[in-house]
């Protein structure tokens, strides 16, 4: 597979994953705790960054580490957590963990409930 074809495939997989996660985040709401208040938006600016998902009510920042991203989200999340006058909580969903452990919708819901 040529490099350009591989990059296009990675972007397609990434977009599909983002759509899957967004749909399931809407359904993962619980009756108590942080999950009872989730109202997630996609591609939101936070400080100097754009994050994959953000919930303003809880301050939850969610990013997906995908194969097309050259670096981990860890440093970026440290910066976000240190922004002045904020109380953001950050969470990373690893692409490979999602694909390896979450093939069925029930498994994906369990995975999200465990990490959120």
PDB file of N, CA and C in Angstrom:
ATOM      1  N   UNK A   1       0.852  -1.177   0.000  1.00  0.00           N
ATOM      2  CA  UNK A   1       0.000   0.000   0.000  1.00  0.00           C
ATOM      3  C   UNK A   1       0.896   1.238   0.000  1.00  0.00           C
ATOM      4  N   UNK A   2       0.611   2.165  -0.872  1.00  0.00           N
ATOM      5  CA  UNK A   2       1.407   3.383  -0.935  1.00  0.00           C
ATOM      6  C   UNK A   2       1.139   4.266   0.276  1.00  0.00           C
ATOM      7  N   UNK A   3       2.083   5.160   0.551  1.00  0.00           N
ATOM      8  CA  UNK A   3       1.991   6.041   1.723  1.00  0.00           C
ATOM      9  C   UNK A   3       0.711   6.886   1.712  1.00  0.00           C
ATOM     10  N   UNK A   4       0.368   7.473   0.567  1.00  0.00           N
ATOM     11  CA  UNK A   4      -0.846   8.301   0.483  1.00  0.00           C
ATOM     12  C   UNK A   4      -2.110   7.484   0.716  1.00  0.00           C
ATOM     13  N   UNK A   5      -2.133   6.271   0.161  1.00  0.00           N
ATOM     14  CA  UNK A   5      -3.286   5.398   0.372  1.00  0.00           C
ATOM     15  C   UNK A   5      -3.427   5.036   1.842  1.00  0.00           C
ATOM     16  N   UNK A   6      -2.298   4.776   2.487  1.00  0.00           N
ATOM     17  CA  UNK A   6      -2.316   4.434   3.911  1.00  0.00           C
ATOM     18  C   UNK A   6      -2.834   5.611   4.735  1.00  0.00           C
ATOM     19  N   UNK A   7      -2.389   6.827   4.418  1.00  0.00           N
ATOM     20  CA  UNK A   7      -2.851   8.012   5.147  1.00  0.00           C
ATOM     21  C   UNK A   7      -4.355   8.223   4.956  1.00  0.00           C
ATOM     22  N   UNK A   8      -4.844   8.040   3.728  1.00  0.00           N
ATOM     23  CA  UNK A   8      -6.278   8.175   3.471  1.00  0.00           C
ATOM     24  C   UNK A   8      -7.076   7.140   4.260  1.00  0.00           C
ATOM     25  N   UNK A   9      -6.565   5.912   4.312  1.00  0.00           N
ATOM     26  CA  UNK A   9      -7.240   4.857   5.067  1.00  0.00           C
ATOM     27  C   UNK A   9      -7.257   5.180   6.558  1.00  0.00           C
ATOM     28  N   UNK A  10      -6.129   5.682   7.083  1.00  0.00           N
ATOM     29  CA  UNK A  10      -6.059   6.064   8.501  1.00  0.00           C
ATOM     30  C   UNK A  10      -7.079   7.154   8.825  1.00  0.00           C
ATOM     31  N   UNK A  11      -7.222   8.146   7.933  1.00  0.00           N
ATOM     32  CA  UNK A  11      -8.184   9.227   8.164  1.00  0.00           C
ATOM     33  C   UNK A  11      -9.617   8.703   8.144  1.00  0.00           C
ATOM     34  N   UNK A  12      -9.906   7.789   7.217  1.00  0.00           N
ATOM     35  CA  UNK A  12     -11.239   7.200   7.149  1.00  0.00           C
ATOM     36  C   UNK A  12     -11.539   6.414   8.411  1.00  0.00           C
ATOM     37  N   UNK A  13     -10.581   5.594   8.854  1.00  0.00           N
ATOM     38  CA  UNK A  13     -10.756   4.829  10.092  1.00  0.00           C
ATOM     39  C   UNK A  13     -10.946   5.760  11.275  1.00  0.00           C
ATOM     40  N   UNK A  14     -10.183   6.849  11.308  1.00  0.00           N
ATOM     41  CA  UNK A  14     -10.268   7.813  12.399  1.00  0.00           C
ATOM     42  C   UNK A  14     -11.642   8.477  12.427  1.00  0.00           C
ATOM     43  N   UNK A  15     -12.153   8.893  11.281  1.00  0.00           N
ATOM     44  CA  UNK A  15     -13.471   9.530  11.219  1.00  0.00           C
ATOM     45  C   UNK A  15     -14.557   8.565  11.670  1.00  0.00           C
ATOM     46  N   UNK A  16     -14.451   7.320  11.253  1.00  0.00           N
ATOM     47  CA  UNK A  16     -15.420   6.306  11.648  1.00  0.00           C
ATOM     48  C   UNK A  16     -15.379   6.102  13.160  1.00  0.00           C
ATOM     49  N   UNK A  17     -14.170   6.047  13.707  1.00  0.00           N
ATOM     50  CA  UNK A  17     -14.007   5.868  15.145  1.00  0.00           C
ATOM     51  C   UNK A  17     -14.606   7.043  15.914  1.00  0.00           C
ATOM     52  N   UNK A  18     -14.361   8.264  15.451  1.00  0.00           N
ATOM     53  CA  UNK A  18     -14.920   9.441  16.115  1.00  0.00           C
ATOM     54  C   UNK A  18     -16.452   9.385  16.112  1.00  0.00           C
ATOM     55  N   UNK A  19     -17.025   8.983  15.001  1.00  0.00           N
ATOM     56  CA  UNK A  19     -18.486   8.877  14.919  1.00  0.00           C
ATOM     57  C   UNK A  19     -19.002   7.807  15.878  1.00  0.00           C
ATOM     58  N   UNK A  20     -18.306   6.666  15.955  1.00  0.00           N
ATOM     59  CA  UNK A  20     -18.702   5.598  16.880  1.00  0.00           C
ATOM     60  C   UNK A  20     -18.673   6.095  18.320  1.00  0.00           C
ATOM     61  N   UNK A  21     -17.572   6.736  18.686  1.00  0.00           N
ATOM     62  CA  UNK A  21     -17.409   7.201  20.064  1.00  0.00           C
ATOM     63  C   UNK A  21     -18.457   8.255  20.401  1.00  0.00           C
ATOM     64  N   UNK A  22     -18.704   9.196  19.502  1.00  0.00           N
ATOM     65  CA  UNK A  22     -19.693  10.242  19.763  1.00  0.00           C
ATOM     66  C   UNK A  22     -21.082   9.642  19.975  1.00  0.00           C
ATOM     67  N   UNK A  23     -21.465   8.711  19.130  1.00  0.00           N
ATOM     68  CA  UNK A  23     -22.764   8.057  19.274  1.00  0.00           C
ATOM     69  C   UNK A  23     -22.873   7.355  20.617  1.00  0.00           C
ATOM     70  N   UNK A  24     -21.824   6.629  20.988  1.00  0.00           N
ATOM     71  CA  UNK A  24     -21.867   5.895  22.251  1.00  0.00           C
ATOM     72  C   UNK A  24     -21.779   6.817  23.460  1.00  0.00           C
ATOM     73  N   UNK A  25     -21.055   7.923  23.346  1.00  0.00           N
ATOM     74  CA  UNK A  25     -21.010   8.878  24.455  1.00  0.00           C
ATOM     75  C   UNK A  25     -22.400   9.441  24.736  1.00  0.00           C
ATOM     76  N   UNK A  26     -23.179   9.638  23.699  1.00  0.00           N
ATOM     77  CA  UNK A  26     -24.551  10.113  23.891  1.00  0.00           C
ATOM     78  C   UNK A  26     -25.398   9.080  24.636  1.00  0.00           C
ATOM     79  N   UNK A  27     -25.025   7.797  24.489  1.00  0.00           N
ATOM     80  CA  UNK A  27     -25.796   6.725  25.112  1.00  0.00           C
ATOM     81  C   UNK A  27     -25.227   6.249  26.440  1.00  0.00           C
ATOM     82  N   UNK A  28     -24.047   6.710  26.822  1.00  0.00           N
ATOM     83  CA  UNK A  28     -23.382   6.203  28.016  1.00  0.00           C
ATOM     84  C   UNK A  28     -23.831   6.928  29.287  1.00  0.00           C
ATOM     85  N   UNK A  29     -24.709   7.893  29.139  1.00  0.00           N
ATOM     86  CA  UNK A  29     -25.159   8.668  30.297  1.00  0.00           C
ATOM     87  C   UNK A  29     -25.707   7.747  31.381  1.00  0.00           C
ATOM     88  N   UNK A  30     -25.360   8.071  32.602  1.00  0.00           N
ATOM     89  CA  UNK A  30     -25.840   7.303  33.743  1.00  0.00           C
ATOM     90  C   UNK A  30     -26.821   8.120  34.555  1.00  0.00           C
ATOM     91  N   UNK A  31     -27.143   7.610  35.725  1.00  0.00           N
ATOM     92  CA  UNK A  31     -28.104   8.294  36.580  1.00  0.00           C
ATOM     93  C   UNK A  31     -27.430   9.087  37.686  1.00  0.00           C
ATOM     94  N   UNK A  32     -26.112   8.939  37.825  1.00  0.00           N
ATOM     95  CA  UNK A  32     -25.401   9.680  38.866  1.00  0.00           C
ATOM     96  C   UNK A  32     -23.968   9.957  38.430  1.00  0.00           C
ATOM     97  N   UNK A  33     -23.316  10.835  39.140  1.00  0.00           N
ATOM     98  CA  UNK A  33     -21.922  11.149  38.838  1.00  0.00           C
ATOM     99  C   UNK A  33     -21.773  11.914  37.537  1.00  0.00           C
ATOM    100  N   UNK A  34     -20.553  11.904  37.026  1.00  0.00           N
ATOM    101  CA  UNK A  34     -20.232  12.685  35.827  1.00  0.00           C
ATOM    102  C   UNK A  34     -21.053  12.240  34.620  1.00  0.00           C
ATOM    103  N   UNK A  35     -21.356  10.950  34.520  1.00  0.00           N
ATOM    104  CA  UNK A  35     -22.078  10.461  33.350  1.00  0.00           C
ATOM    105  C   UNK A  35     -23.512  10.965  33.278  1.00  0.00           C
ATOM    106  N   UNK A  36     -24.079  11.393  34.393  1.00  0.00           N
ATOM    107  CA  UNK A  36     -25.460  11.885  34.363  1.00  0.00           C
ATOM    108  C   UNK A  36     -25.554  13.265  33.723  1.00  0.00           C
ATOM    109  N   UNK A  37     -24.418  13.948  33.597  1.00  0.00           N
ATOM    110  CA  UNK A  37     -24.428  15.326  33.087  1.00  0.00           C
ATOM    111  C   UNK A  37     -23.769  15.466  31.718  1.00  0.00           C
ATOM    112  N   UNK A  38     -23.385  14.387  31.075  1.00  0.00           N
ATOM    113  CA  UNK A  38     -22.658  14.483  29.809  1.00  0.00           C
ATOM    114  C   UNK A  38     -23.492  15.122  28.701  1.00  0.00           C
ATOM    115  N   UNK A  39     -22.897  16.091  28.035  1.00  0.00           N
ATOM    116  CA  UNK A  39     -23.463  16.716  26.848  1.00  0.00           C
ATOM    117  C   UNK A  39     -22.271  17.077  25.967  1.00  0.00           C
ATOM    118  N   UNK A  40     -21.834  16.126  25.178  1.00  0.00           N
ATOM    119  CA  UNK A  40     -20.553  16.201  24.483  1.00  0.00           C
ATOM    120  C   UNK A  40     -20.670  16.901  23.135  1.00  0.00           C
ATOM    121  N   UNK A  41     -19.701  17.791  22.863  1.00  0.00           N
ATOM    122  CA  UNK A  41     -19.568  18.437  21.557  1.00  0.00           C
ATOM    123  C   UNK A  41     -18.276  17.941  20.915  1.00  0.00           C
ATOM    124  N   UNK A  42     -18.241  17.973  19.590  1.00  0.00           N
ATOM    125  CA  UNK A  42     -17.075  17.479  18.865  1.00  0.00           C
ATOM    126  C   UNK A  42     -16.236  18.631  18.316  1.00  0.00           C
ATOM    127  N   UNK A  43     -14.901  18.432  18.303  1.00  0.00           N
ATOM    128  CA  UNK A  43     -13.937  19.362  17.712  1.00  0.00           C
ATOM    129  C   UNK A  43     -14.073  20.772  18.300  1.00  0.00           C
ATOM    130  N   UNK A  44     -13.790  20.878  19.576  1.00  0.00           N
ATOM    131  CA  UNK A  44     -13.972  22.125  20.320  1.00  0.00           C
ATOM    132  C   UNK A  44     -12.615  22.743  20.651  1.00  0.00           C
ATOM    133  N   UNK A  45     -12.458  24.066  20.484  1.00  0.00           N
ATOM    134  CA  UNK A  45     -11.198  24.706  20.882  1.00  0.00           C
ATOM    135  C   UNK A  45     -11.117  24.839  22.405  1.00  0.00           C
ATOM    136  N   UNK A  46      -9.995  24.391  22.950  1.00  0.00           N
ATOM    137  CA  UNK A  46      -9.697  24.526  24.382  1.00  0.00           C
ATOM    138  C   UNK A  46      -8.307  25.146  24.458  1.00  0.00           C
ATOM    139  N   UNK A  47      -8.225  26.379  24.892  1.00  0.00           N
ATOM    140  CA  UNK A  47      -6.930  27.055  24.890  1.00  0.00           C
ATOM    141  C   UNK A  47      -6.379  27.058  23.472  1.00  0.00           C
ATOM    142  N   UNK A  48      -5.111  26.677  23.295  1.00  0.00           N
ATOM    143  CA  UNK A  48      -4.514  26.676  21.961  1.00  0.00           C
ATOM    144  C   UNK A  48      -4.791  25.398  21.161  1.00  0.00           C
ATOM    145  N   UNK A  49      -5.594  24.503  21.685  1.00  0.00           N
ATOM    146  CA  UNK A  49      -5.824  23.196  21.064  1.00  0.00           C
ATOM    147  C   UNK A  49      -7.267  23.035  20.599  1.00  0.00           C
ATOM    148  N   UNK A  50      -7.469  22.102  19.685  1.00  0.00           N
ATOM    149  CA  UNK A  50      -8.797  21.613  19.340  1.00  0.00           C
ATOM    150  C   UNK A  50      -8.852  20.179  19.849  1.00  0.00           C
ATOM    151  N   UNK A  51      -9.861  19.875  20.647  1.00  0.00           N
ATOM    152  CA  UNK A  51      -9.981  18.530  21.196  1.00  0.00           C
ATOM    153  C   UNK A  51     -11.087  17.781  20.468  1.00  0.00           C
ATOM    154  N   UNK A  52     -11.003  16.455  20.497  1.00  0.00           N
ATOM    155  CA  UNK A  52     -11.985  15.641  19.787  1.00  0.00           C
ATOM    156  C   UNK A  52     -13.385  15.809  20.362  1.00  0.00           C
ATOM    157  N   UNK A  53     -13.496  15.726  21.695  1.00  0.00           N
ATOM    158  CA  UNK A  53     -14.793  15.833  22.352  1.00  0.00           C
ATOM    159  C   UNK A  53     -14.642  16.662  23.619  1.00  0.00           C
ATOM    160  N   UNK A  54     -15.673  17.448  23.924  1.00  0.00           N
ATOM    161  CA  UNK A  54     -15.633  18.262  25.137  1.00  0.00           C
ATOM    162  C   UNK A  54     -17.031  18.384  25.714  1.00  0.00           C
ATOM    163  N   UNK A  55     -17.112  18.271  27.030  1.00  0.00           N
ATOM    164  CA  UNK A  55     -18.361  18.484  27.739  1.00  0.00           C
ATOM    165  C   UNK A  55     -18.169  19.669  28.669  1.00  0.00           C
ATOM    166  N   UNK A  56     -18.808  20.785  28.360  1.00  0.00           N
ATOM    167  CA  UNK A  56     -18.614  22.026  29.117  1.00  0.00           C
ATOM    168  C   UNK A  56     -19.131  21.923  30.550  1.00  0.00           C
ATOM    169  N   UNK A  57     -20.226  21.212  30.761  1.00  0.00           N
ATOM    170  CA  UNK A  57     -20.817  21.126  32.098  1.00  0.00           C
ATOM    171  C   UNK A  57     -19.890  20.430  33.090  1.00  0.00           C
ATOM    172  N   UNK A  58     -19.182  19.412  32.636  1.00  0.00           N
ATOM    173  CA  UNK A  58     -18.306  18.649  33.532  1.00  0.00           C
ATOM    174  C   UNK A  58     -16.839  19.000  33.363  1.00  0.00           C
ATOM    175  N   UNK A  59     -16.494  19.723  32.280  1.00  0.00           N
ATOM    176  CA  UNK A  59     -15.095  20.039  32.004  1.00  0.00           C
ATOM    177  C   UNK A  59     -14.311  18.848  31.484  1.00  0.00           C
ATOM    178  N   UNK A  60     -15.019  17.841  30.977  1.00  0.00           N
ATOM    179  CA  UNK A  60     -14.369  16.628  30.488  1.00  0.00           C
ATOM    180  C   UNK A  60     -13.879  16.822  29.056  1.00  0.00           C
ATOM    181  N   UNK A  61     -12.582  16.583  28.859  1.00  0.00           N
ATOM    182  CA  UNK A  61     -11.936  16.654  27.551  1.00  0.00           C
ATOM    183  C   UNK A  61     -11.588  15.229  27.147  1.00  0.00           C
ATOM    184  N   UNK A  62     -12.038  14.807  25.966  1.00  0.00           N
ATOM    185  CA  UNK A  62     -11.745  13.460  25.483  1.00  0.00           C
ATOM    186  C   UNK A  62     -11.071  13.576  24.128  1.00  0.00           C
ATOM    187  N   UNK A  63      -9.921  12.926  24.007  1.00  0.00           N
ATOM    188  CA  UNK A  63      -9.212  12.837  22.734  1.00  0.00           C
ATOM    189  C   UNK A  63      -9.009  11.373  22.390  1.00  0.00           C
ATOM    190  N   UNK A  64      -8.948  11.102  21.097  1.00  0.00           N
ATOM    191  CA  UNK A  64      -8.682   9.748  20.632  1.00  0.00           C
ATOM    192  C   UNK A  64      -7.285   9.723  20.034  1.00  0.00           C
ATOM    193  N   UNK A  65      -6.443   8.838  20.552  1.00  0.00           N
ATOM    194  CA  UNK A  65      -5.121   8.622  19.973  1.00  0.00           C
ATOM    195  C   UNK A  65      -5.285   7.701  18.778  1.00  0.00           C
ATOM    196  N   UNK A  66      -5.169   8.247  17.578  1.00  0.00           N
ATOM    197  CA  UNK A  66      -5.338   7.461  16.357  1.00  0.00           C
ATOM    198  C   UNK A  66      -3.990   7.236  15.692  1.00  0.00           C
ATOM    199  N   UNK A  67      -3.907   6.241  14.793  1.00  0.00           N
ATOM    200  CA  UNK A  67      -2.635   5.964  14.116  1.00  0.00           C
ATOM    201  C   UNK A  67      -2.116   7.144  13.298  1.00  0.00           C
ATOM    202  N   UNK A  68      -3.004   8.028  12.842  1.00  0.00           N
ATOM    203  CA  UNK A  68      -2.562   9.149  12.005  1.00  0.00           C
ATOM    204  C   UNK A  68      -1.968  10.294  12.816  1.00  0.00           C
ATOM    205  N   UNK A  69      -2.085  10.236  14.136  1.00  0.00           N
ATOM    206  CA  UNK A  69      -1.497  11.289  14.975  1.00  0.00           C
ATOM    207  C   UNK A  69      -0.065  10.912  15.315  1.00  0.00           C
ATOM    208  N   UNK A  70       0.853  11.845  15.109  1.00  0.00           N
ATOM    209  CA  UNK A  70       2.269  11.519  15.287  1.00  0.00           C
ATOM    210  C   UNK A  70       2.698  11.365  16.745  1.00  0.00           C
ATOM    211  N   UNK A  71       1.964  11.946  17.672  1.00  0.00           N
ATOM    212  CA  UNK A  71       2.359  11.867  19.078  1.00  0.00           C
ATOM    213  C   UNK A  71       1.153  11.580  19.958  1.00  0.00           C
ATOM    214  N   UNK A  72       1.452  11.151  21.152  1.00  0.00           N
ATOM    215  CA  UNK A  72       0.420  10.884  22.142  1.00  0.00           C
ATOM    216  C   UNK A  72      -0.229  12.197  22.584  1.00  0.00           C
ATOM    217  N   UNK A  73      -1.387  12.096  23.156  1.00  0.00           N
ATOM    218  CA  UNK A  73      -2.109  13.258  23.654  1.00  0.00           C
ATOM    219  C   UNK A  73      -1.678  13.642  25.075  1.00  0.00           C
ATOM    220  N   UNK A  74      -0.766  12.892  25.680  1.00  0.00           N
ATOM    221  CA  UNK A  74      -0.405  13.108  27.087  1.00  0.00           C
ATOM    222  C   UNK A  74       0.105  14.518  27.369  1.00  0.00           C
ATOM    223  N   UNK A  75       1.055  14.995  26.606  1.00  0.00           N
ATOM    224  CA  UNK A  75       1.612  16.329  26.846  1.00  0.00           C
ATOM    225  C   UNK A  75       0.544  17.403  26.636  1.00  0.00           C
ATOM    226  N   UNK A  76      -0.224  17.242  25.608  1.00  0.00           N
ATOM    227  CA  UNK A  76      -1.298  18.185  25.317  1.00  0.00           C
ATOM    228  C   UNK A  76      -2.295  18.229  26.477  1.00  0.00           C
ATOM    229  N   UNK A  77      -2.627  17.076  27.005  1.00  0.00           N
ATOM    230  CA  UNK A  77      -3.564  17.022  28.130  1.00  0.00           C
ATOM    231  C   UNK A  77      -2.974  17.659  29.382  1.00  0.00           C
ATOM    232  N   UNK A  78      -1.684  17.503  29.588  1.00  0.00           N
ATOM    233  CA  UNK A  78      -1.045  18.187  30.723  1.00  0.00           C
ATOM    234  C   UNK A  78      -1.196  19.697  30.581  1.00  0.00           C
ATOM    235  N   UNK A  79      -0.977  20.192  29.371  1.00  0.00           N
ATOM    236  CA  UNK A  79      -1.129  21.635  29.128  1.00  0.00           C
ATOM    237  C   UNK A  79      -2.567  22.083  29.375  1.00  0.00           C
ATOM    238  N   UNK A  80      -3.517  21.315  28.890  1.00  0.00           N
ATOM    239  CA  UNK A  80      -4.928  21.669  29.065  1.00  0.00           C
ATOM    240  C   UNK A  80      -5.294  21.704  30.549  1.00  0.00           C
ATOM    241  N   UNK A  81      -4.833  20.715  31.305  1.00  0.00           N
ATOM    242  CA  UNK A  81      -5.140  20.662  32.735  1.00  0.00           C
ATOM    243  C   UNK A  81      -4.516  21.824  33.503  1.00  0.00           C
ATOM    244  N   UNK A  82      -3.447  22.400  32.955  1.00  0.00           N
ATOM    245  CA  UNK A  82      -2.763  23.507  33.623  1.00  0.00           C
ATOM    246  C   UNK A  82      -3.217  24.888  33.152  1.00  0.00           C
ATOM    247  N   UNK A  83      -4.176  24.946  32.244  1.00  0.00           N
ATOM    248  CA  UNK A  83      -4.671  26.248  31.788  1.00  0.00           C
ATOM    249  C   UNK A  83      -5.222  27.022  32.982  1.00  0.00           C
ATOM    250  N   UNK A  84      -4.940  28.319  33.045  1.00  0.00           N
ATOM    251  CA  UNK A  84      -5.397  29.124  34.187  1.00  0.00           C
ATOM    252  C   UNK A  84      -6.923  29.179  34.299  1.00  0.00           C
ATOM    253  N   UNK A  85      -7.389  29.205  35.526  1.00  0.00           N
ATOM    254  CA  UNK A  85      -8.816  29.361  35.827  1.00  0.00           C
ATOM    255  C   UNK A  85      -9.698  28.271  35.220  1.00  0.00           C
ATOM    256  N   UNK A  86      -9.175  27.055  35.132  1.00  0.00           N
ATOM    257  CA  UNK A  86      -9.962  25.944  34.595  1.00  0.00           C
ATOM    258  C   UNK A  86      -9.832  24.729  35.505  1.00  0.00           C
ATOM    259  N   UNK A  87     -10.771  23.831  35.365  1.00  0.00           N
ATOM    260  CA  UNK A  87     -10.721  22.556  36.093  1.00  0.00           C
ATOM    261  C   UNK A  87     -11.024  21.418  35.128  1.00  0.00           C
ATOM    262  N   UNK A  88     -10.351  21.412  33.994  1.00  0.00           N
ATOM    263  CA  UNK A  88     -10.592  20.378  32.995  1.00  0.00           C
ATOM    264  C   UNK A  88     -10.079  19.029  33.472  1.00  0.00           C
ATOM    265  N   UNK A  89     -10.837  18.000  33.121  1.00  0.00           N
ATOM    266  CA  UNK A  89     -10.418  16.621  33.334  1.00  0.00           C
ATOM    267  C   UNK A  89     -10.196  16.033  31.945  1.00  0.00           C
ATOM    268  N   UNK A  90      -9.074  15.365  31.739  1.00  0.00           N
ATOM    269  CA  UNK A  90      -8.760  14.857  30.407  1.00  0.00           C
ATOM    270  C   UNK A  90      -8.801  13.337  30.383  1.00  0.00           C
ATOM    271  N   UNK A  91      -9.136  12.826  29.218  1.00  0.00           N
ATOM    272  CA  UNK A  91      -9.249  11.393  29.008  1.00  0.00           C
ATOM    273  C   UNK A  91      -8.802  11.086  27.584  1.00  0.00           C
ATOM    274  N   UNK A  92      -8.015  10.036  27.437  1.00  0.00           N
ATOM    275  CA  UNK A  92      -7.581   9.597  26.114  1.00  0.00           C
ATOM    276  C   UNK A  92      -8.145   8.217  25.835  1.00  0.00           C
ATOM    277  N   UNK A  93      -8.718   8.055  24.658  1.00  0.00           N
ATOM    278  CA  UNK A  93      -9.156   6.742  24.198  1.00  0.00           C
ATOM    279  C   UNK A  93      -8.137   6.283  23.172  1.00  0.00           C
ATOM    280  N   UNK A  94      -7.500   5.167  23.453  1.00  0.00           N
ATOM    281  CA  UNK A  94      -6.478   4.632  22.565  1.00  0.00           C
ATOM    282  C   UNK A  94      -7.140   3.855  21.426  1.00  0.00           C
ATOM    283  N   UNK A  95      -6.785   4.211  20.205  1.00  0.00           N
ATOM    284  CA  UNK A  95      -7.360   3.580  19.014  1.00  0.00           C
ATOM    285  C   UNK A  95      -7.233   2.064  19.061  1.00  0.00           C
ATOM    286  N   UNK A  96      -6.034   1.586  19.374  1.00  0.00           N
ATOM    287  CA  UNK A  96      -5.797   0.142  19.337  1.00  0.00           C
ATOM    288  C   UNK A  96      -6.544  -0.573  20.451  1.00  0.00           C
ATOM    289  N   UNK A  97      -6.639   0.018  21.629  1.00  0.00           N
ATOM    290  CA  UNK A  97      -7.438  -0.586  22.701  1.00  0.00           C
ATOM    291  C   UNK A  97      -8.900  -0.671  22.286  1.00  0.00           C
ATOM    292  N   UNK A  98      -9.391   0.403  21.678  1.00  0.00           N
ATOM    293  CA  UNK A  98     -10.784   0.431  21.226  1.00  0.00           C
ATOM    294  C   UNK A  98     -11.043  -0.677  20.216  1.00  0.00           C
ATOM    295  N   UNK A  99     -10.176  -0.813  19.238  1.00  0.00           N
ATOM    296  CA  UNK A  99     -10.362  -1.823  18.194  1.00  0.00           C
ATOM    297  C   UNK A  99     -10.138  -3.240  18.724  1.00  0.00           C
ATOM    298  N   UNK A 100      -9.185  -3.411  19.602  1.00  0.00           N
ATOM    299  CA  UNK A 100      -8.846  -4.738  20.113  1.00  0.00           C
ATOM    300  C   UNK A 100      -9.909  -5.252  21.083  1.00  0.00           C
ATOM    301  N   UNK A 101     -10.356  -4.401  21.975  1.00  0.00           N
ATOM    302  CA  UNK A 101     -11.237  -4.846  23.050  1.00  0.00           C
ATOM    303  C   UNK A 101     -12.701  -4.498  22.831  1.00  0.00           C
ATOM    304  N   UNK A 102     -12.989  -3.758  21.823  1.00  0.00           N
ATOM    305  CA  UNK A 102     -14.353  -3.228  21.690  1.00  0.00           C
ATOM    306  C   UNK A 102     -14.907  -3.460  20.294  1.00  0.00           C
ATOM    307  N   UNK A 103     -15.138  -4.696  19.965  1.00  0.00           N
ATOM    308  CA  UNK A 103     -15.634  -4.983  18.624  1.00  0.00           C
ATOM    309  C   UNK A 103     -17.159  -4.888  18.529  1.00  0.00           C
ATOM    310  N   UNK A 104     -17.842  -5.211  19.600  1.00  0.00           N
ATOM    311  CA  UNK A 104     -19.302  -5.145  19.595  1.00  0.00           C
ATOM    312  C   UNK A 104     -19.751  -3.902  20.354  1.00  0.00           C
ATOM    313  N   UNK A 105     -20.951  -3.431  20.046  1.00  0.00           N
ATOM    314  CA  UNK A 105     -21.450  -2.214  20.686  1.00  0.00           C
ATOM    315  C   UNK A 105     -21.520  -2.356  22.204  1.00  0.00           C
ATOM    316  N   UNK A 106     -21.904  -3.534  22.697  1.00  0.00           N
ATOM    317  CA  UNK A 106     -21.973  -3.740  24.149  1.00  0.00           C
ATOM    318  C   UNK A 106     -20.589  -3.595  24.779  1.00  0.00           C
ATOM    319  N   UNK A 107     -19.571  -4.132  24.101  1.00  0.00           N
ATOM    320  CA  UNK A 107     -18.198  -4.020  24.605  1.00  0.00           C
ATOM    321  C   UNK A 107     -17.731  -2.568  24.575  1.00  0.00           C
ATOM    322  N   UNK A 108     -18.102  -1.851  23.525  1.00  0.00           N
ATOM    323  CA  UNK A 108     -17.733  -0.443  23.425  1.00  0.00           C
ATOM    324  C   UNK A 108     -18.387   0.363  24.545  1.00  0.00           C
ATOM    325  N   UNK A 109     -19.647   0.084  24.838  1.00  0.00           N
ATOM    326  CA  UNK A 109     -20.335   0.778  25.930  1.00  0.00           C
ATOM    327  C   UNK A 109     -19.652   0.481  27.261  1.00  0.00           C
ATOM    328  N   UNK A 110     -19.294  -0.772  27.486  1.00  0.00           N
ATOM    329  CA  UNK A 110     -18.609  -1.145  28.730  1.00  0.00           C
ATOM    330  C   UNK A 110     -17.273  -0.432  28.841  1.00  0.00           C
ATOM    331  N   UNK A 111     -16.544  -0.376  27.732  1.00  0.00           N
ATOM    332  CA  UNK A 111     -15.248   0.301  27.716  1.00  0.00           C
ATOM    333  C   UNK A 111     -15.417   1.779  28.082  1.00  0.00           C
ATOM    334  N   UNK A 112     -16.368   2.454  27.446  1.00  0.00           N
ATOM    335  CA  UNK A 112     -16.587   3.879  27.732  1.00  0.00           C
ATOM    336  C   UNK A 112     -17.048   4.106  29.166  1.00  0.00           C
ATOM    337  N   UNK A 113     -17.934   3.259  29.655  1.00  0.00           N
ATOM    338  CA  UNK A 113     -18.393   3.405  31.037  1.00  0.00           C
ATOM    339  C   UNK A 113     -17.235   3.252  32.010  1.00  0.00           C
ATOM    340  N   UNK A 114     -16.293   2.372  31.677  1.00  0.00           N
ATOM    341  CA  UNK A 114     -15.143   2.152  32.554  1.00  0.00           C
ATOM    342  C   UNK A 114     -14.195   3.346  32.558  1.00  0.00           C
ATOM    343  N   UNK A 115     -14.029   4.004  31.421  1.00  0.00           N
ATOM    344  CA  UNK A 115     -13.058   5.100  31.354  1.00  0.00           C
ATOM    345  C   UNK A 115     -13.654   6.468  31.653  1.00  0.00           C
ATOM    346  N   UNK A 116     -14.965   6.629  31.494  1.00  0.00           N
ATOM    347  CA  UNK A 116     -15.568   7.946  31.734  1.00  0.00           C
ATOM    348  C   UNK A 116     -15.924   8.063  33.176  1.00  0.00           C
TER     349      UNK A 116
END
